[in-house]
């Protein structure tokens, strides 16, 4: 994977974190990610630094989501699927 692609995925993961926080009203703990002191805007940093940041952030998001309960709700009549998973 090219450095530019890693930076793009790094930015996408930041957006995913913010989205998860906004729908759950819970902040996702990201101390390990913050300790790396790298953001997608740091394009001068090495490719490996962005790879580590991406993997660390994604691990923290997944770990947090695994701790959350997911509720199954019935969907409105007329939809193709009969059930949808929704987070709190």
N, C-alpha and C. Protein backbone atom coordinates (compact mmCIF):
# COMPACT_ATOMS: atom_id res chain seq x y z
N UNK A 1 0.84 -1.17 0.00
CA UNK A 1 0.00 0.00 0.00
C UNK A 1 0.89 1.24 0.00
N UNK A 2 0.49 2.21 -0.76
CA UNK A 2 1.24 3.46 -0.87
C UNK A 2 1.00 4.35 0.35
N UNK A 3 1.93 5.23 0.62
CA UNK A 3 1.83 6.14 1.76
C UNK A 3 0.57 7.00 1.65
N UNK A 4 0.29 7.49 0.47
CA UNK A 4 -0.89 8.33 0.27
C UNK A 4 -2.18 7.58 0.62
N UNK A 5 -2.24 6.30 0.28
CA UNK A 5 -3.41 5.48 0.61
C UNK A 5 -3.54 5.28 2.12
N UNK A 6 -2.41 5.06 2.78
CA UNK A 6 -2.42 4.91 4.24
C UNK A 6 -2.91 6.19 4.92
N UNK A 7 -2.46 7.32 4.44
CA UNK A 7 -2.89 8.60 5.01
C UNK A 7 -4.39 8.78 4.80
N UNK A 8 -4.88 8.39 3.63
CA UNK A 8 -6.31 8.48 3.35
C UNK A 8 -7.10 7.59 4.31
N UNK A 9 -6.65 6.36 4.52
CA UNK A 9 -7.31 5.45 5.45
C UNK A 9 -7.22 5.96 6.89
N UNK A 10 -6.11 6.56 7.22
CA UNK A 10 -5.92 7.15 8.54
C UNK A 10 -6.99 8.24 8.77
N UNK A 11 -7.19 9.10 7.79
CA UNK A 11 -8.21 10.16 7.89
C UNK A 11 -9.61 9.54 7.97
N UNK A 12 -9.86 8.52 7.18
CA UNK A 12 -11.15 7.85 7.21
C UNK A 12 -11.42 7.26 8.59
N UNK A 13 -10.41 6.68 9.21
CA UNK A 13 -10.59 6.09 10.54
C UNK A 13 -10.91 7.17 11.57
N UNK A 14 -10.33 8.36 11.43
CA UNK A 14 -10.67 9.48 12.32
C UNK A 14 -12.15 9.83 12.16
N UNK A 15 -12.63 9.85 10.92
CA UNK A 15 -14.04 10.16 10.67
C UNK A 15 -14.95 9.07 11.24
N UNK A 16 -14.54 7.83 11.13
CA UNK A 16 -15.32 6.71 11.69
C UNK A 16 -15.40 6.86 13.21
N UNK A 17 -14.28 7.20 13.85
CA UNK A 17 -14.27 7.40 15.30
C UNK A 17 -15.23 8.51 15.68
N UNK A 18 -15.17 9.64 15.00
CA UNK A 18 -16.06 10.76 15.30
C UNK A 18 -17.52 10.40 15.08
N UNK A 19 -17.79 9.64 14.02
CA UNK A 19 -19.16 9.22 13.75
C UNK A 19 -19.68 8.31 14.86
N UNK A 20 -18.88 7.33 15.26
CA UNK A 20 -19.28 6.41 16.34
C UNK A 20 -19.53 7.18 17.63
N UNK A 21 -18.69 8.16 17.90
CA UNK A 21 -18.88 8.97 19.11
C UNK A 21 -20.16 9.79 19.03
N UNK A 22 -20.48 10.30 17.85
CA UNK A 22 -21.67 11.14 17.72
C UNK A 22 -22.97 10.35 17.84
N UNK A 23 -22.99 9.10 17.37
CA UNK A 23 -24.24 8.34 17.46
C UNK A 23 -24.41 7.67 18.81
N UNK A 24 -23.32 7.51 19.55
CA UNK A 24 -23.42 6.84 20.84
C UNK A 24 -23.32 7.81 22.02
N UNK A 25 -22.95 9.04 21.78
CA UNK A 25 -22.74 10.03 22.84
C UNK A 25 -21.70 9.56 23.86
N UNK A 26 -20.79 8.71 23.43
CA UNK A 26 -19.68 8.24 24.27
C UNK A 26 -18.38 8.52 23.56
N UNK A 27 -17.42 9.05 24.30
CA UNK A 27 -16.10 9.26 23.71
C UNK A 27 -15.36 7.93 23.67
N UNK A 28 -14.73 7.64 22.55
CA UNK A 28 -13.95 6.42 22.41
C UNK A 28 -12.55 6.71 22.97
N UNK A 29 -12.16 5.97 24.02
CA UNK A 29 -10.82 6.19 24.58
C UNK A 29 -9.74 5.91 23.53
N UNK A 30 -8.83 6.84 23.39
CA UNK A 30 -7.78 6.65 22.37
C UNK A 30 -6.43 7.15 22.88
N UNK A 31 -6.11 6.76 24.10
CA UNK A 31 -4.84 7.20 24.70
C UNK A 31 -3.64 6.67 23.95
N UNK A 32 -3.69 5.40 23.53
CA UNK A 32 -2.54 4.84 22.79
C UNK A 32 -2.33 5.59 21.48
N UNK A 33 -3.43 5.88 20.78
CA UNK A 33 -3.34 6.61 19.51
C UNK A 33 -2.78 8.01 19.75
N UNK A 34 -3.30 8.70 20.77
CA UNK A 34 -2.84 10.06 21.06
C UNK A 34 -1.37 10.09 21.44
N UNK A 35 -0.90 9.03 22.11
CA UNK A 35 0.50 8.98 22.52
C UNK A 35 1.46 8.89 21.34
N UNK A 36 0.95 8.47 20.18
CA UNK A 36 1.79 8.38 18.98
C UNK A 36 2.10 9.76 18.40
N UNK A 37 1.27 10.75 18.76
CA UNK A 37 1.45 12.13 18.30
C UNK A 37 1.58 12.23 16.78
N UNK A 38 0.62 11.61 16.10
CA UNK A 38 0.57 11.68 14.64
C UNK A 38 -0.88 11.82 14.22
N UNK A 39 -1.11 12.63 13.22
CA UNK A 39 -2.45 12.77 12.65
C UNK A 39 -2.32 12.61 11.14
N UNK A 40 -3.44 12.44 10.46
CA UNK A 40 -3.38 12.32 9.00
C UNK A 40 -2.81 13.57 8.33
N UNK A 41 -2.82 14.68 9.04
CA UNK A 41 -2.28 15.92 8.49
C UNK A 41 -0.75 15.96 8.51
N UNK A 42 -0.14 15.05 9.25
CA UNK A 42 1.32 14.99 9.32
C UNK A 42 1.86 14.18 8.14
N UNK A 43 1.76 14.74 6.97
CA UNK A 43 2.15 14.00 5.76
C UNK A 43 3.66 13.79 5.66
N UNK A 44 4.43 14.55 6.44
CA UNK A 44 5.89 14.40 6.42
C UNK A 44 6.36 13.19 7.22
N UNK A 45 5.48 12.62 8.05
CA UNK A 45 5.87 11.45 8.86
C UNK A 45 6.03 10.23 7.96
N UNK A 46 6.76 9.27 8.45
CA UNK A 46 7.04 8.06 7.67
C UNK A 46 5.77 7.23 7.45
N UNK A 47 5.80 6.47 6.39
CA UNK A 47 4.68 5.58 6.04
C UNK A 47 4.38 4.63 7.19
N UNK A 48 5.39 4.07 7.81
CA UNK A 48 5.19 3.11 8.89
C UNK A 48 4.52 3.77 10.10
N UNK A 49 4.81 5.04 10.35
CA UNK A 49 4.17 5.75 11.45
C UNK A 49 2.67 5.86 11.22
N UNK A 50 2.27 6.13 9.98
CA UNK A 50 0.84 6.20 9.65
C UNK A 50 0.21 4.81 9.74
N UNK A 51 0.93 3.80 9.35
CA UNK A 51 0.40 2.42 9.45
C UNK A 51 0.14 2.06 10.91
N UNK A 52 1.09 2.36 11.76
CA UNK A 52 0.95 2.06 13.19
C UNK A 52 -0.22 2.86 13.78
N UNK A 53 -0.32 4.13 13.41
CA UNK A 53 -1.41 4.97 13.91
C UNK A 53 -2.77 4.44 13.46
N UNK A 54 -2.87 4.05 12.20
CA UNK A 54 -4.11 3.50 11.66
C UNK A 54 -4.51 2.23 12.40
N UNK A 55 -3.58 1.32 12.58
CA UNK A 55 -3.87 0.07 13.27
C UNK A 55 -4.21 0.28 14.74
N UNK A 56 -3.51 1.20 15.38
CA UNK A 56 -3.76 1.49 16.79
C UNK A 56 -5.15 2.10 16.97
N UNK A 57 -5.48 3.08 16.15
CA UNK A 57 -6.79 3.73 16.25
C UNK A 57 -7.91 2.75 15.95
N UNK A 58 -7.74 1.95 14.92
CA UNK A 58 -8.79 0.99 14.58
C UNK A 58 -8.96 -0.04 15.70
N UNK A 59 -7.88 -0.45 16.33
CA UNK A 59 -7.97 -1.38 17.45
C UNK A 59 -8.73 -0.76 18.62
N UNK A 60 -8.46 0.50 18.90
CA UNK A 60 -9.16 1.17 20.00
C UNK A 60 -10.65 1.33 19.71
N UNK A 61 -11.00 1.61 18.47
CA UNK A 61 -12.41 1.74 18.09
C UNK A 61 -13.12 0.40 18.23
N UNK A 62 -12.52 -0.65 17.68
CA UNK A 62 -13.13 -1.98 17.74
C UNK A 62 -13.26 -2.46 19.19
N UNK A 63 -12.24 -2.24 19.98
CA UNK A 63 -12.28 -2.63 21.39
C UNK A 63 -13.43 -1.92 22.10
N UNK A 64 -13.60 -0.64 21.82
CA UNK A 64 -14.69 0.12 22.43
C UNK A 64 -16.05 -0.39 21.96
N UNK A 65 -16.18 -0.66 20.67
CA UNK A 65 -17.47 -1.12 20.14
C UNK A 65 -17.83 -2.50 20.65
N UNK A 66 -16.86 -3.34 20.88
CA UNK A 66 -17.14 -4.66 21.43
C UNK A 66 -17.71 -4.56 22.85
N UNK A 67 -17.37 -3.51 23.54
CA UNK A 67 -17.88 -3.30 24.89
C UNK A 67 -19.28 -2.70 24.91
N UNK A 68 -19.76 -2.23 23.77
CA UNK A 68 -21.10 -1.63 23.68
C UNK A 68 -22.12 -2.71 23.34
N UNK A 69 -23.33 -2.53 23.83
CA UNK A 69 -24.39 -3.48 23.46
C UNK A 69 -25.07 -3.00 22.19
N UNK A 70 -25.46 -3.94 21.38
CA UNK A 70 -26.15 -3.65 20.12
C UNK A 70 -27.57 -4.17 20.24
N UNK A 71 -28.53 -3.32 19.92
CA UNK A 71 -29.93 -3.68 20.01
C UNK A 71 -30.47 -4.00 18.63
N UNK A 72 -31.33 -5.00 18.54
CA UNK A 72 -31.96 -5.35 17.27
C UNK A 72 -33.35 -4.75 17.29
N UNK A 73 -33.67 -4.00 16.25
CA UNK A 73 -34.97 -3.33 16.17
C UNK A 73 -35.71 -3.84 14.94
N UNK A 74 -37.02 -3.86 15.01
CA UNK A 74 -37.82 -4.19 13.84
C UNK A 74 -37.82 -3.00 12.90
N UNK A 75 -37.71 -3.26 11.62
CA UNK A 75 -37.73 -2.17 10.65
C UNK A 75 -39.17 -1.86 10.27
N UNK A 76 -39.41 -0.67 9.73
CA UNK A 76 -40.77 -0.32 9.32
C UNK A 76 -41.27 -1.25 8.23
N UNK A 77 -42.59 -1.49 8.16
CA UNK A 77 -43.14 -2.34 7.11
C UNK A 77 -42.79 -1.80 5.73
N UNK A 78 -42.62 -2.70 4.80
CA UNK A 78 -42.32 -2.30 3.43
C UNK A 78 -40.85 -2.38 3.07
N UNK A 79 -39.98 -2.53 4.06
CA UNK A 79 -38.55 -2.67 3.79
C UNK A 79 -38.25 -4.12 3.43
N UNK A 80 -37.21 -4.31 2.65
CA UNK A 80 -36.83 -5.67 2.23
C UNK A 80 -36.35 -6.50 3.43
N UNK A 81 -35.60 -5.88 4.32
CA UNK A 81 -35.13 -6.62 5.48
C UNK A 81 -36.13 -6.45 6.62
N UNK A 82 -36.23 -7.45 7.46
CA UNK A 82 -37.21 -7.38 8.54
C UNK A 82 -36.61 -6.90 9.84
N UNK A 83 -35.29 -6.95 9.97
CA UNK A 83 -34.65 -6.49 11.19
C UNK A 83 -33.41 -5.69 10.83
N UNK A 84 -33.08 -4.74 11.69
CA UNK A 84 -31.88 -3.95 11.49
C UNK A 84 -31.17 -3.84 12.83
N UNK A 85 -29.86 -3.88 12.78
CA UNK A 85 -29.08 -3.72 14.01
C UNK A 85 -28.84 -2.22 14.20
N UNK A 86 -29.00 -1.78 15.40
CA UNK A 86 -28.76 -0.37 15.72
C UNK A 86 -28.01 -0.28 17.02
N UNK A 87 -27.08 0.64 17.08
CA UNK A 87 -26.35 0.87 18.31
C UNK A 87 -27.14 1.81 19.18
N UNK A 88 -26.85 1.77 20.45
CA UNK A 88 -27.49 2.68 21.40
C UNK A 88 -27.39 4.09 20.98
